[in-house]
Protein backbone atom coordinates (compact mmCIF):
# COMPACT_ATOMS: atom_id res chain seq x y z
CA UNK A 1 71.29 38.39 -96.09
CA UNK A 2 70.86 36.38 -92.88
CA UNK A 3 69.71 33.49 -95.06
CA UNK A 4 72.99 33.49 -96.96
CA UNK A 5 75.01 33.76 -93.75
CA UNK A 6 73.12 30.90 -92.10
CA UNK A 7 73.49 28.70 -95.19
CA UNK A 8 77.26 29.41 -95.25
CA UNK A 9 77.43 28.46 -91.54
CA UNK A 10 75.64 25.18 -92.35
CA UNK A 11 78.16 24.56 -95.13
CA UNK A 12 81.13 25.26 -92.82
CA UNK A 13 79.89 23.34 -89.78
CA UNK A 14 78.02 20.45 -91.33
CA UNK A 15 78.04 19.92 -95.10
CA UNK A 16 81.72 20.54 -95.76
CA UNK A 17 83.35 18.46 -92.99
CA UNK A 18 84.64 14.91 -92.73
CA UNK A 19 82.59 12.65 -90.46
CA UNK A 20 85.70 11.90 -88.37
CA UNK A 21 86.90 15.52 -88.06
CA UNK A 22 88.85 16.20 -84.86
CA UNK A 23 87.76 18.82 -82.40
CA UNK A 24 90.79 21.00 -83.19
CA UNK A 25 90.11 20.81 -86.93
CA UNK A 26 86.42 21.56 -86.33
CA UNK A 27 87.51 24.58 -84.28
CA UNK A 28 88.98 26.10 -87.47
CA UNK A 29 85.59 25.70 -89.15
CA UNK A 30 83.90 27.38 -86.17
CA UNK A 31 86.38 30.28 -86.48
CA UNK A 32 85.36 30.59 -90.15
CA UNK A 33 81.68 30.52 -89.15
CA UNK A 34 82.32 33.27 -86.58
CA UNK A 35 83.94 35.29 -89.38
CA UNK A 36 80.68 34.92 -91.37
CA UNK A 37 79.04 36.63 -88.35
CA UNK A 38 81.80 39.30 -88.51
CA UNK A 39 83.55 38.25 -85.26
CA UNK A 40 87.31 38.26 -85.87
CA UNK A 41 90.27 37.26 -83.76
CA UNK A 42 92.27 39.95 -85.59
CA UNK A 43 89.91 42.67 -84.26
CA UNK A 44 90.06 41.31 -80.71
CA UNK A 45 86.48 40.03 -80.89
CA UNK A 46 87.41 36.40 -80.22
CA UNK A 47 89.67 34.99 -77.53
CA UNK A 48 90.68 31.45 -78.44
CA UNK A 49 91.20 29.13 -75.46
CA UNK A 50 91.86 31.94 -73.00
CA UNK A 51 92.93 30.76 -69.56
CA UNK A 52 91.28 32.25 -66.49
CA UNK A 53 92.38 31.87 -62.87
CA UNK A 54 89.72 30.30 -60.65
CA UNK A 55 90.54 30.23 -56.97
CA UNK A 56 94.08 29.79 -55.76
CA UNK A 57 95.26 26.96 -57.97
CA UNK A 58 92.69 26.19 -60.68
CA UNK A 59 92.23 27.52 -64.21
CA UNK A 60 89.44 27.27 -66.75
CA UNK A 61 90.01 27.34 -70.51
CA UNK A 62 86.86 27.73 -72.61
CA UNK A 63 87.20 27.27 -76.37
CA UNK A 64 86.09 30.82 -77.26
CA UNK A 65 85.10 33.99 -75.47
CA UNK A 66 83.42 36.61 -77.66
CA UNK A 67 84.06 40.22 -76.66
CA UNK A 68 82.71 43.65 -77.47
CA UNK A 69 84.77 46.49 -78.92
CA UNK A 70 85.21 47.83 -75.37
CA UNK A 71 86.65 44.44 -74.29
CA UNK A 72 83.58 43.25 -72.32
CA UNK A 73 82.93 39.51 -72.41
CA UNK A 74 79.63 38.91 -74.24
CA UNK A 75 79.23 35.12 -74.46
CA UNK A 76 81.22 31.92 -74.33
CA UNK A 77 81.36 29.11 -76.90
CA UNK A 78 82.25 25.48 -76.26
CA UNK A 79 82.97 23.21 -79.25
CA UNK A 80 82.55 19.45 -79.52
CA UNK A 81 83.25 17.04 -82.34
CA UNK A 82 80.21 16.99 -84.63
CA UNK A 83 80.12 13.19 -84.75
CA UNK A 84 79.44 13.01 -80.99
CA UNK A 85 75.92 13.89 -79.76
CA UNK A 86 75.77 16.96 -77.51
CA UNK A 87 75.17 15.65 -74.00
CA UNK A 88 74.74 16.85 -70.43
CA UNK A 89 78.46 16.41 -69.64
CA UNK A 90 79.31 18.92 -72.41
CA UNK A 91 76.53 21.23 -71.23
CA UNK A 92 77.85 21.11 -67.65
CA UNK A 93 81.30 22.10 -68.93
CA UNK A 94 79.76 25.09 -70.72
CA UNK A 95 77.71 25.97 -67.61
CA UNK A 96 80.84 26.13 -65.47
CA UNK A 97 82.44 28.55 -67.92
CA UNK A 98 79.28 30.69 -67.98
CA UNK A 99 79.22 30.81 -64.19
CA UNK A 100 82.93 31.43 -63.67
CA UNK A 101 82.96 34.20 -66.27
CA UNK A 102 79.57 35.57 -65.08
CA UNK A 103 78.07 35.39 -68.58
CA UNK A 104 74.35 35.11 -69.25
CA UNK A 105 74.76 33.39 -72.64
CA UNK A 106 76.67 30.32 -73.69
CA UNK A 107 76.70 28.44 -76.97
CA UNK A 108 77.50 24.77 -77.45
CA UNK A 109 78.48 23.82 -81.03
CA UNK A 110 78.78 20.28 -82.33
CA UNK A 111 76.12 18.32 -84.29
CA UNK A 112 74.06 21.45 -83.98
CA UNK A 113 73.95 24.62 -81.94
CA UNK A 114 72.51 24.91 -78.46
CA UNK A 115 71.97 28.35 -76.93
CA UNK A 116 71.82 28.59 -73.12
CA UNK A 117 70.80 31.38 -70.79
CA UNK A 118 71.86 31.81 -67.16
CA UNK A 119 70.57 35.04 -65.71
CA UNK A 120 68.01 36.61 -63.41
CA UNK A 121 65.12 36.11 -65.86
CA UNK A 122 65.23 32.36 -65.20
CA UNK A 123 63.84 30.93 -62.00
CA UNK A 124 66.02 27.84 -61.74
CA UNK A 125 69.54 26.87 -60.75
CA UNK A 126 70.97 25.53 -63.98
CA UNK A 127 71.22 27.48 -67.19
CA UNK A 128 68.23 27.02 -69.49
CA UNK A 129 68.43 25.62 -73.00
CA UNK A 130 66.70 28.34 -75.01
CA UNK A 131 67.12 26.84 -78.45
CA UNK A 132 68.52 23.84 -80.30
CA UNK A 133 69.33 24.56 -83.93
CA UNK A 134 70.00 21.91 -86.57
CA UNK A 135 72.34 22.63 -89.47
CA UNK A 136 69.70 22.71 -92.16
CA UNK A 137 69.60 25.33 -94.88
CA UNK A 138 67.05 28.13 -94.59
CA UNK A 139 66.22 26.99 -91.03
CA UNK A 140 64.12 29.70 -89.28
CA UNK A 141 65.92 29.09 -85.98
CA UNK A 142 69.24 29.46 -87.80
CA UNK A 143 68.16 32.77 -89.30
CA UNK A 144 67.20 33.98 -85.81
CA UNK A 145 70.60 32.80 -84.50
CA UNK A 146 72.36 34.91 -87.17
CA UNK A 147 70.18 37.92 -86.32
CA UNK A 148 70.96 37.58 -82.59
CA UNK A 149 74.63 36.62 -82.69
CA UNK A 150 76.02 38.48 -85.72
CA UNK A 151 78.39 41.23 -84.58
CA UNK A 152 76.62 44.08 -86.40
CA UNK A 153 73.18 43.24 -84.97
CA UNK A 154 74.26 41.92 -81.53
CA UNK A 155 72.54 43.73 -78.69
CA UNK A 156 71.34 42.90 -75.21
CA UNK A 157 67.75 44.08 -75.78
CA UNK A 158 67.21 41.67 -78.69
CA UNK A 159 68.72 38.85 -76.66
CA UNK A 160 66.54 39.71 -73.69
CA UNK A 161 63.31 39.60 -75.74
CA UNK A 162 64.44 36.34 -77.42
CA UNK A 163 65.14 34.93 -73.91
CA UNK A 164 61.75 36.04 -72.52
CA UNK A 165 59.97 34.53 -75.53
CA UNK A 166 61.90 31.26 -75.02
CA UNK A 167 61.11 31.18 -71.32
CA UNK A 168 57.39 31.74 -72.06
CA UNK A 169 57.40 28.72 -74.42
CA UNK A 170 59.15 26.60 -71.78
CA UNK A 171 56.63 27.69 -69.12
CA UNK A 172 53.69 26.97 -71.42
CA UNK A 173 55.03 23.46 -72.02
CA UNK A 174 55.45 22.94 -68.25
CA UNK A 175 51.91 24.23 -67.57
CA UNK A 176 50.56 21.95 -70.32
CA UNK A 177 52.28 18.93 -68.72
CA UNK A 178 50.89 19.81 -65.31
CA UNK A 179 47.37 20.28 -66.66
CA UNK A 180 47.55 17.02 -68.58
CA UNK A 181 48.73 15.24 -65.45
CA UNK A 182 45.86 16.77 -63.41
CA UNK A 183 43.27 15.83 -66.04
CA UNK A 184 44.52 12.24 -66.22
């Protein structure tokens, strides 16, 4: 089931789009992909470009905020044209939305999907890139993404264990780098 959902998301966000698609047209494809995961604007699950007051005179407007049935904000999504590589400027934009909305999870969608975490499990200032997922059919990371972010299976415990596992991998890589440096 997750396999079919992921492959449909790949179709909607990669295979079935023009190379020069605009960000606003791509947004419609992302809305369709969210529908595959059972998030619907009609049900109040998705807020599209909501505007939030920040300070006395500023506002932020993320592309999407995904909410629970009891109206709690769950995660934020920022969309970029798929023909432009995801870069740190786009990540910083997402990070500011995550911080302002006090959300632990943020998703950047463009040429692929990047999942970020910003919470007390991380021991650093900036949000951490937990996963980068390419739009390839039957991709294991894509199946995991569907499992974690589909409405019917979405829960904080699963996300927490996914996050801890991702942080362990990151820490192992860092330790490996340090050991290699010491040995050399």
